[in-house]
Amino acid sequence: MTGLVQKLMRTVLWLFVGLLVLGACQTERDRLMRENYPGYPAVVQQAIDRGALMRGMTHEQVFLALGEPLCKKTIQPNEKPIEVWLYPPAGRDPCLVADTRVYFEDGVVSRWK
């Protein structure tokens, strides 16, 4: 019985932590939508509204379009570092398996898969 109670308590704790993280992200997204979104070009606003990507989008604009990535890493295939944001399929390790990879060069989207 003690093992079951411990598992239940751990599950409740993780759910609580998850809700806190989601709440903080939503608050940040709401603030950015209120303060910065109106100043974006119409084509960027439309992409954000559709949850779509465009070359040249900033980190903030991708965050508004797709949400917070579950994993970020930097690769360096040549001399220049490239930041990669990974969006995984549900229930998978985001750093190993990703449905969507967004590549940033010089702070803006250069490509995605």
C-alpha atoms as a PDB file:
ATOM      1  CA  MET A   1       0.000   0.000   0.000  1.00  0.00           C
ATOM      2  CA  THR A   2       2.853   2.380   0.791  1.00  0.00           C
ATOM      3  CA  GLY A   3       4.299   1.995  -2.732  1.00  0.00           C
ATOM      4  CA  LEU A   4       0.953   2.836  -4.264  1.00  0.00           C
ATOM      5  CA  VAL A   5       0.607   5.954  -2.105  1.00  0.00           C
ATOM      6  CA  GLN A   6       4.124   7.066  -3.056  1.00  0.00           C
ATOM      7  CA  LYS A   7       3.357   6.603  -6.757  1.00  0.00           C
ATOM      8  CA  LEU A   8       0.137   8.561  -6.377  1.00  0.00           C
ATOM      9  CA  MET A   9       1.922  11.372  -4.530  1.00  0.00           C
ATOM     10  CA  ARG A  10       4.644  11.520  -7.217  1.00  0.00           C
ATOM     11  CA  THR A  11       1.997  11.658  -9.950  1.00  0.00           C
ATOM     12  CA  VAL A  12       0.150  14.479  -8.197  1.00  0.00           C
ATOM     13  CA  LEU A  13       3.422  16.366  -7.697  1.00  0.00           C
ATOM     14  CA  TRP A  14       4.352  16.052 -11.403  1.00  0.00           C
ATOM     15  CA  LEU A  15       0.876  17.182 -12.444  1.00  0.00           C
ATOM     16  CA  PHE A  16       1.178  20.216 -10.167  1.00  0.00           C
ATOM     17  CA  VAL A  17       4.627  21.090 -11.568  1.00  0.00           C
ATOM     18  CA  GLY A  18       3.297  20.671 -15.109  1.00  0.00           C
ATOM     19  CA  LEU A  19       0.386  22.996 -14.420  1.00  0.00           C
ATOM     20  CA  LEU A  20       2.734  25.615 -12.965  1.00  0.00           C
ATOM     21  CA  VAL A  21       4.972  25.457 -16.031  1.00  0.00           C
ATOM     22  CA  LEU A  22       2.029  25.660 -18.412  1.00  0.00           C
ATOM     23  CA  GLY A  23       0.570  28.552 -16.465  1.00  0.00           C
ATOM     24  CA  ALA A  24       3.849  30.467 -16.590  1.00  0.00           C
ATOM     25  CA  CYS A  25       4.199  29.842 -20.334  1.00  0.00           C
ATOM     26  CA  GLN A  26       0.642  30.959 -20.977  1.00  0.00           C
ATOM     27  CA  THR A  27       1.208  34.128 -18.982  1.00  0.00           C
ATOM     28  CA  GLU A  28       4.364  34.890 -20.978  1.00  0.00           C
ATOM     29  CA  ARG A  29       2.557  34.139 -24.243  1.00  0.00           C
ATOM     30  CA  ASP A  30      -0.351  36.373 -23.248  1.00  0.00           C
ATOM     31  CA  ARG A  31       2.048  39.216 -22.421  1.00  0.00           C
ATOM     32  CA  LEU A  32       3.915  38.861 -25.711  1.00  0.00           C
ATOM     33  CA  MET A  33       0.670  38.697 -27.674  1.00  0.00           C
ATOM     34  CA  ARG A  34      -0.573  41.841 -25.965  1.00  0.00           C
ATOM     35  CA  GLU A  35       2.691  43.836 -26.132  1.00  0.00           C
ATOM     36  CA  ASN A  36       4.596  42.668 -29.232  1.00  0.00           C
ATOM     37  CA  TYR A  37       2.183  40.887 -31.585  1.00  0.00           C
ATOM     38  CA  PRO A  38       0.462  44.121 -32.786  1.00  0.00           C
ATOM     39  CA  GLY A  39       3.815  45.436 -34.047  1.00  0.00           C
ATOM     40  CA  TYR A  40       4.599  42.420 -36.240  1.00  0.00           C
ATOM     41  CA  PRO A  41       3.988  42.573 -39.994  1.00  0.00           C
ATOM     42  CA  ALA A  42       0.585  41.182 -41.034  1.00  0.00           C
ATOM     43  CA  VAL A  43       2.157  38.147 -42.717  1.00  0.00           C
ATOM     44  CA  VAL A  44       3.941  37.205 -39.460  1.00  0.00           C
ATOM     45  CA  GLN A  45       0.739  37.707 -37.462  1.00  0.00           C
ATOM     46  CA  GLN A  46      -1.086  35.378 -39.854  1.00  0.00           C
ATOM     47  CA  ALA A  47       1.642  32.736 -39.526  1.00  0.00           C
ATOM     48  CA  ILE A  48       1.460  32.933 -35.717  1.00  0.00           C
ATOM     49  CA  ASP A  49      -2.333  32.661 -35.827  1.00  0.00           C
ATOM     50  CA  ARG A  50      -2.084  29.523 -38.008  1.00  0.00           C
ATOM     51  CA  GLY A  51       0.736  27.993 -35.959  1.00  0.00           C
ATOM     52  CA  ALA A  52       2.949  28.121 -39.036  1.00  0.00           C
ATOM     53  CA  LEU A  53       6.619  28.926 -39.551  1.00  0.00           C
ATOM     54  CA  MET A  54       8.324  31.395 -41.891  1.00  0.00           C
ATOM     55  CA  ARG A  55      11.949  32.025 -42.681  1.00  0.00           C
ATOM     56  CA  GLY A  56      13.170  35.051 -40.762  1.00  0.00           C
ATOM     57  CA  MET A  57      10.910  34.565 -37.716  1.00  0.00           C
ATOM     58  CA  THR A  58      12.511  35.368 -34.375  1.00  0.00           C
ATOM     59  CA  HIS A  59      12.659  33.085 -31.341  1.00  0.00           C
ATOM     60  CA  GLU A  60       9.757  35.008 -29.842  1.00  0.00           C
ATOM     61  CA  GLN A  61       7.600  34.657 -32.950  1.00  0.00           C
ATOM     62  CA  VAL A  62       8.239  30.904 -33.118  1.00  0.00           C
ATOM     63  CA  PHE A  63       7.354  30.645 -29.424  1.00  0.00           C
ATOM     64  CA  LEU A  64       4.060  32.412 -30.164  1.00  0.00           C
ATOM     65  CA  ALA A  65       3.348  30.166 -33.153  1.00  0.00           C
ATOM     66  CA  LEU A  66       4.374  26.758 -31.747  1.00  0.00           C
ATOM     67  CA  GLY A  67       4.830  27.220 -28.004  1.00  0.00           C
ATOM     68  CA  GLU A  68       7.849  26.489 -25.857  1.00  0.00           C
ATOM     69  CA  PRO A  69      10.063  23.749 -27.288  1.00  0.00           C
ATOM     70  CA  LEU A  70      10.658  20.808 -25.003  1.00  0.00           C
ATOM     71  CA  CYS A  71      14.296  20.644 -25.986  1.00  0.00           C
ATOM     72  CA  LYS A  72      16.811  23.158 -27.336  1.00  0.00           C
ATOM     73  CA  LYS A  73      20.283  22.352 -28.532  1.00  0.00           C
ATOM     74  CA  THR A  74      23.081  23.899 -30.533  1.00  0.00           C
ATOM     75  CA  ILE A  75      24.757  22.125 -33.417  1.00  0.00           C
ATOM     76  CA  GLN A  76      27.814  23.256 -35.304  1.00  0.00           C
ATOM     77  CA  PRO A  77      28.017  21.491 -38.669  1.00  0.00           C
ATOM     78  CA  ASN A  78      30.422  24.136 -40.001  1.00  0.00           C
ATOM     79  CA  GLU A  79      32.052  27.115 -38.344  1.00  0.00           C
ATOM     80  CA  LYS A  80      28.724  28.722 -37.446  1.00  0.00           C
ATOM     81  CA  PRO A  81      26.557  27.506 -34.530  1.00  0.00           C
ATOM     82  CA  ILE A  82      22.915  26.712 -35.303  1.00  0.00           C
ATOM     83  CA  GLU A  83      20.303  26.622 -32.546  1.00  0.00           C
ATOM     84  CA  VAL A  84      17.679  23.898 -32.934  1.00  0.00           C
ATOM     85  CA  TRP A  85      14.303  23.847 -31.193  1.00  0.00           C
ATOM     86  CA  LEU A  86      12.693  20.417 -30.989  1.00  0.00           C
ATOM     87  CA  TYR A  87       8.986  19.683 -30.760  1.00  0.00           C
ATOM     88  CA  PRO A  88       8.410  15.966 -30.063  1.00  0.00           C
ATOM     89  CA  PRO A  89       5.521  13.619 -30.614  1.00  0.00           C
ATOM     90  CA  ALA A  90       3.469  13.087 -27.462  1.00  0.00           C
ATOM     91  CA  GLY A  91       5.074  10.894 -24.822  1.00  0.00           C
ATOM     92  CA  ARG A  92       8.543  10.817 -26.397  1.00  0.00           C
ATOM     93  CA  ASP A  93      11.943  12.188 -25.388  1.00  0.00           C
ATOM     94  CA  PRO A  94      12.145  15.548 -27.196  1.00  0.00           C
ATOM     95  CA  CYS A  95      15.925  15.482 -27.434  1.00  0.00           C
ATOM     96  CA  LEU A  96      15.927  12.143 -29.267  1.00  0.00           C
ATOM     97  CA  VAL A  97      12.738  12.139 -31.331  1.00  0.00           C
ATOM     98  CA  ALA A  98      11.160  15.250 -32.808  1.00  0.00           C
ATOM     99  CA  ASP A  99       8.227  15.776 -35.153  1.00  0.00           C
ATOM    100  CA  THR A 100       9.364  19.322 -35.831  1.00  0.00           C
ATOM    101  CA  ARG A 101      12.865  20.797 -35.788  1.00  0.00           C
ATOM    102  CA  VAL A 102      13.269  24.555 -36.143  1.00  0.00           C
ATOM    103  CA  TYR A 103      16.741  25.829 -37.075  1.00  0.00           C
ATOM    104  CA  PHE A 104      17.861  29.336 -36.091  1.00  0.00           C
ATOM    105  CA  GLU A 105      20.871  31.034 -37.631  1.00  0.00           C
ATOM    106  CA  ASP A 106      21.829  34.508 -36.407  1.00  0.00           C
ATOM    107  CA  GLY A 107      18.706  34.553 -34.226  1.00  0.00           C
ATOM    108  CA  VAL A 108      16.125  33.918 -36.959  1.00  0.00           C
ATOM    109  CA  VAL A 109      14.528  30.850 -38.558  1.00  0.00           C
ATOM    110  CA  SER A 110      16.594  29.586 -41.469  1.00  0.00           C
ATOM    111  CA  ARG A 111      14.708  26.316 -42.059  1.00  0.00           C
ATOM    112  CA  TRP A 112      12.611  23.609 -40.415  1.00  0.00           C
ATOM    113  CA  LYS A 113      11.689  19.963 -40.879  1.00  0.00           C
END
